[in-house]
Every structure is written in structure tokens, then in C-alpha cells.
């Protein structure tokens, strides 16, 4: 009577269910488990790649446009790179007058077109990274003299930081310390000498080009 009661109890039925589940799991080939895990990892990495190459740039574009910035639209992976190469090739195929100092259309023709079309503060795309261009001197001064951390500086690769690190990369107290060290080099009298030397070198180079 005790044996028959034990076999028909709910606990025994639950134990049989757990045992059958374990046996069925053990019967699954290891190759299927490996393939399933590998497929999950590949799907996860693919979703991260799609987010990096498409969704993240689109979110940044919407955020910038919501702040009133105008500019070119993001194109998958390449951004404005193809237009940049095409406009640069067209600009270099044209000759430039000898005494002309307007080199911006020759050096950065696409950027000049974007500024002319979308205003002095605009955005363009370097691959999947947005680039904000500021042609307003007052706003550029505010960005360059920023001490509150609102405008982050460009992060250089580790090798570049090892070879050449300076004010262009430093932030916070480190920037203040290095700027204080360099302050004597920016005194007005020293800058006057620097301007004179630079002007003489430029004039000498220009005369050499004329005589060549």
C-alpha cells in the first residue's frame, strides 16, 4: 500500500518529469549546442554592427537637427567621403592664380559648398561620424576657451598620444597646468618676433618660386 501510494504521488510525477527533461537535454548533440551558441553570438555581433553603422549615426543626426543644425544627410558607412573625393579632384584640376590667397575652395571644396548652402554652423559626415563646422568667430572662441567640459576634444589613438601629446588633447587641470607653462611663449613681444621671422621666410620662399 505504501509503495503504490508513493508511485502515484504528485512528487513522484514531478521527479519523473524532471528526469525525462534532463535525459532529453543530454540526448541533444554537442554540435547542436555549439551551433546554437555560435549563431546567437553572431546575431548579437551583427546587431551591434548595424547599430554602429546605421542606428547610432541616425540618432546623432536627429539630435543635431533638433538643435537647429543643418547639413548633409547621413549615407550608410561612406557619409560624404565620395563627394569629398570627387569635389577635391575637380578643384585640383583647375589652376589657381599666382597671387590669389583664397585657398579654401581648393583645399576643402566640399566644406565650402556645405557652408555656403547650410550656413556658418553646419554638419557633414566623415564616414559614420558627424562633423560640426563652426565659421562664427564668437562661437569658435567660446568652444576653444571652454572650461566647463561641455565641448569635448577629439580623442586621439593611443599611439598618437604616446608620440605627441599636448594642449590639443589635454583637458581639465592638466590643460590648465600645461597652458600656464606655455604662457611665456605667447607674450606680445615674442609673438611680434615670430611674425617678422615667419613673414621673411614666406617672402623668401615666394621669391624662390618666382625665380624658378
Protein backbone atom coordinates (compact mmCIF):
# COMPACT_ATOMS: atom_id res chain seq x y z
CA UNK A 1 0.00 0.00 0.00
CA UNK A 2 2.87 2.40 0.87
CA UNK A 3 4.69 1.56 -2.38
CA UNK A 4 1.65 2.12 -4.56
CA UNK A 5 0.93 5.39 -2.78
CA UNK A 6 4.49 6.62 -3.39
CA UNK A 7 4.34 5.83 -7.09
CA UNK A 8 1.07 7.65 -7.56
CA UNK A 9 2.01 10.75 -5.53
CA UNK A 10 2.43 14.19 -7.21
CA UNK A 11 6.07 14.39 -6.05
CA UNK A 12 6.93 11.23 -7.95
CA UNK A 13 5.29 12.57 -11.12
CA UNK A 14 7.29 15.77 -10.82
CA UNK A 15 10.54 13.83 -10.36
CA UNK A 16 9.79 11.76 -13.44
CA UNK A 17 9.17 14.95 -15.45
CA UNK A 18 12.50 16.47 -14.32
CA UNK A 19 14.34 13.24 -15.07
CA UNK A 20 12.86 12.98 -18.54
CA UNK A 21 13.78 16.62 -19.23
CA UNK A 22 17.39 16.00 -18.19
CA UNK A 23 17.59 12.88 -20.31
CA UNK A 24 16.20 14.70 -23.35
CA UNK A 25 18.70 17.54 -22.82
CA UNK A 26 21.52 15.04 -22.50
CA UNK A 27 20.47 13.42 -25.75
CA UNK A 28 20.96 16.73 -27.69
CA UNK A 29 24.23 16.52 -29.66
CA UNK A 30 27.04 18.83 -28.64
CA UNK A 31 27.31 20.08 -32.22
CA UNK A 32 23.77 21.49 -31.99
CA UNK A 33 24.60 23.31 -28.77
CA UNK A 34 27.78 24.75 -30.26
CA UNK A 35 25.99 25.83 -33.43
CA UNK A 36 23.20 27.42 -31.42
CA UNK A 37 25.66 29.32 -29.23
CA UNK A 38 27.69 30.42 -32.25
CA UNK A 39 24.55 31.58 -34.03
CA UNK A 40 23.49 33.61 -31.01
CA UNK A 41 26.92 35.26 -30.77
CA UNK A 42 26.94 36.07 -34.50
CA UNK A 43 23.43 37.53 -34.30
CA UNK A 44 24.43 39.65 -31.32
CA UNK A 45 27.55 40.97 -33.06
CA UNK A 46 25.56 41.66 -36.24
CA UNK A 47 23.03 43.70 -34.26
CA UNK A 48 25.86 45.71 -32.69
CA UNK A 49 27.38 46.32 -36.13
CA UNK A 50 24.05 47.50 -37.55
CA UNK A 51 23.63 49.82 -34.57
CA UNK A 52 27.14 51.25 -35.07
CA UNK A 53 26.85 51.73 -38.83
CA UNK A 54 23.21 52.83 -39.11
CA UNK A 55 21.11 53.43 -36.00
CA UNK A 56 23.70 55.35 -33.98
CA UNK A 57 24.52 57.83 -36.80
CA UNK A 58 20.81 58.30 -37.44
CA UNK A 59 20.20 59.07 -33.75
CA UNK A 60 23.06 61.58 -33.77
CA UNK A 61 21.69 63.20 -36.92
CA UNK A 62 18.23 63.60 -35.39
CA UNK A 63 19.74 65.06 -32.21
CA UNK A 64 21.84 67.59 -34.15
CA UNK A 65 18.94 68.63 -36.37
CA UNK A 66 16.75 69.04 -33.28
CA UNK A 67 19.28 71.64 -32.07
CA UNK A 68 18.88 73.61 -35.29
CA UNK A 69 21.93 72.37 -37.19
CA UNK A 70 21.60 71.90 -40.93
CA UNK A 71 23.83 69.95 -43.25
CA UNK A 72 24.18 66.85 -45.37
CA UNK A 73 22.26 63.66 -44.60
CA UNK A 74 23.98 60.50 -43.43
CA UNK A 75 24.67 57.87 -46.04
CA UNK A 76 25.41 54.31 -44.99
CA UNK A 77 29.07 53.84 -43.98
CA UNK A 78 30.59 56.28 -46.51
CA UNK A 79 28.95 59.52 -45.35
CA UNK A 80 30.31 62.37 -47.50
CA UNK A 81 33.59 60.65 -48.40
CA UNK A 82 32.74 60.01 -52.06
CA UNK A 83 31.53 63.60 -52.57
CA UNK A 84 34.67 64.88 -50.85
CA UNK A 85 36.97 62.94 -53.18
CA UNK A 86 35.02 63.98 -56.27
CA UNK A 87 34.98 67.68 -55.36
CA UNK A 88 38.66 67.58 -54.36
CA UNK A 89 39.59 66.06 -57.71
CA UNK A 90 37.56 68.69 -59.57
CA UNK A 91 39.16 71.52 -57.57
CA UNK A 92 42.71 70.27 -58.16
CA UNK A 93 42.09 70.05 -61.90
CA UNK A 94 41.61 73.84 -62.04
CA UNK A 95 44.52 76.28 -61.99
CA UNK A 96 44.83 78.93 -59.28
CA UNK A 97 46.08 82.50 -59.87
CA UNK A 98 49.57 83.08 -58.51
CA UNK A 99 48.70 85.96 -56.16
CA UNK A 100 45.35 84.56 -55.05
CA UNK A 101 45.10 83.89 -51.31
CA UNK A 102 41.67 82.25 -51.37
CA UNK A 103 42.82 78.66 -50.99
CA UNK A 104 39.78 77.31 -49.11
CA UNK A 105 37.86 76.31 -52.29
CA UNK A 106 40.96 74.42 -53.43
CA UNK A 107 41.81 72.72 -50.13
CA UNK A 108 38.27 71.98 -48.87
CA UNK A 109 35.82 72.48 -51.75
CA UNK A 110 33.06 70.30 -50.34
CA UNK A 111 33.20 72.06 -46.98
CA UNK A 112 32.91 75.45 -48.72
CA UNK A 113 29.86 74.19 -50.61
CA UNK A 114 28.23 72.90 -47.41
CA UNK A 115 28.87 76.18 -45.56
CA UNK A 116 27.53 78.18 -48.49
CA UNK A 117 24.36 76.06 -48.63
CA UNK A 118 23.63 75.36 -44.95
CA UNK A 119 25.16 78.29 -43.09
CA UNK A 120 28.23 79.05 -40.99
CA UNK A 121 27.40 76.40 -38.40
CA UNK A 122 26.64 73.14 -40.20
CA UNK A 123 27.32 69.44 -40.13
CA UNK A 124 28.83 66.95 -42.53
CA UNK A 125 29.76 63.28 -42.30
CA UNK A 126 33.20 61.66 -42.10
CA UNK A 127 32.17 58.04 -42.73
CA UNK A 128 29.69 57.33 -39.91
CA UNK A 129 30.88 60.17 -37.66
CA UNK A 130 29.19 63.59 -37.77
CA UNK A 131 31.45 66.64 -38.04
CA UNK A 132 30.20 70.04 -36.92
CA UNK A 133 31.83 73.00 -38.69
CA UNK A 134 31.83 76.42 -37.00
CA UNK A 135 32.60 79.55 -39.04
CA UNK A 136 31.26 82.03 -36.50
CA UNK A 137 34.33 83.59 -34.75
CA UNK A 138 32.48 84.27 -31.49
CA UNK A 139 31.16 80.73 -31.24
CA UNK A 140 34.56 79.29 -32.17
CA UNK A 141 36.14 81.39 -29.42
CA UNK A 142 33.61 80.05 -26.92
CA UNK A 143 34.40 76.47 -27.91
CA UNK A 144 38.17 76.94 -27.80
CA UNK A 145 38.10 78.74 -24.43
CA UNK A 146 35.61 76.33 -22.87
CA UNK A 147 36.49 75.38 -19.29
CA UNK A 148 33.29 73.60 -18.27
CA UNK A 149 33.70 70.35 -20.22
CA UNK A 150 30.66 70.90 -22.44
CA UNK A 151 32.77 70.63 -25.59
CA UNK A 152 34.93 67.52 -25.57
CA UNK A 153 38.16 67.40 -27.52
CA UNK A 154 38.95 64.86 -30.18
CA UNK A 155 40.24 61.60 -28.72
CA UNK A 156 43.50 60.60 -30.41
CA UNK A 157 44.64 56.97 -30.79
CA UNK A 158 46.92 55.64 -28.01
CA UNK A 159 49.98 55.63 -30.30
CA UNK A 160 49.43 59.28 -31.23
CA UNK A 161 49.10 60.22 -27.56
CA UNK A 162 52.37 58.41 -26.86
CA UNK A 163 54.27 60.21 -29.64
CA UNK A 164 52.80 63.70 -29.41
CA UNK A 165 50.51 64.82 -26.61
CA UNK A 166 49.84 68.49 -25.93
CA UNK A 167 47.24 71.19 -25.40
CA UNK A 168 45.20 69.85 -28.30
CA UNK A 169 44.44 66.75 -26.22
CA UNK A 170 44.71 67.78 -22.55
CA UNK A 171 41.61 68.67 -20.55
CA UNK A 172 40.78 69.90 -17.08
CA UNK A 173 43.56 70.56 -14.60
CA UNK A 174 46.16 69.03 -16.92
CA UNK A 175 45.27 71.58 -19.61
CA UNK A 176 45.48 74.45 -17.09
CA UNK A 177 48.92 73.29 -15.93
CA UNK A 178 50.38 72.98 -19.44
CA UNK A 179 48.78 76.24 -20.58
CA UNK A 180 50.40 78.04 -17.64
CA UNK A 181 53.77 76.59 -18.64
CA UNK A 182 53.35 77.82 -22.22
CA UNK A 183 52.06 81.28 -21.30
CA UNK A 184 55.50 82.99 -21.51
CA UNK A 185 55.85 81.86 -25.13
CA UNK A 186 52.71 83.81 -26.08
CA UNK A 187 53.80 87.23 -24.82
CA UNK A 188 53.20 90.03 -27.31
CA UNK A 189 56.89 90.87 -27.83
CA UNK A 190 57.77 87.27 -28.64
CA UNK A 191 54.82 86.99 -30.99
CA UNK A 192 55.99 90.11 -32.84
CA UNK A 193 59.38 88.49 -33.45
CA UNK A 194 57.67 85.31 -34.59
CA UNK A 195 55.53 87.25 -37.09
CA UNK A 196 58.60 89.02 -38.52
CA UNK A 197 60.53 85.77 -38.93
CA UNK A 198 57.55 83.99 -40.49
CA UNK A 199 56.99 86.87 -42.90
CA UNK A 200 60.63 86.89 -44.01
CA UNK A 201 60.61 83.14 -44.58
CA UNK A 202 57.38 83.39 -46.58
CA UNK A 203 58.74 86.22 -48.71
CA UNK A 204 61.95 84.31 -49.39
CA UNK A 205 60.01 81.21 -50.42
CA UNK A 206 57.75 83.30 -52.69
CA UNK A 207 60.75 84.88 -54.43
CA UNK A 208 62.29 81.46 -54.97
CA UNK A 209 59.06 80.28 -56.58
CA UNK A 210 59.06 83.29 -58.90
CA UNK A 211 62.67 82.78 -59.94
CA UNK A 212 62.23 79.03 -60.54
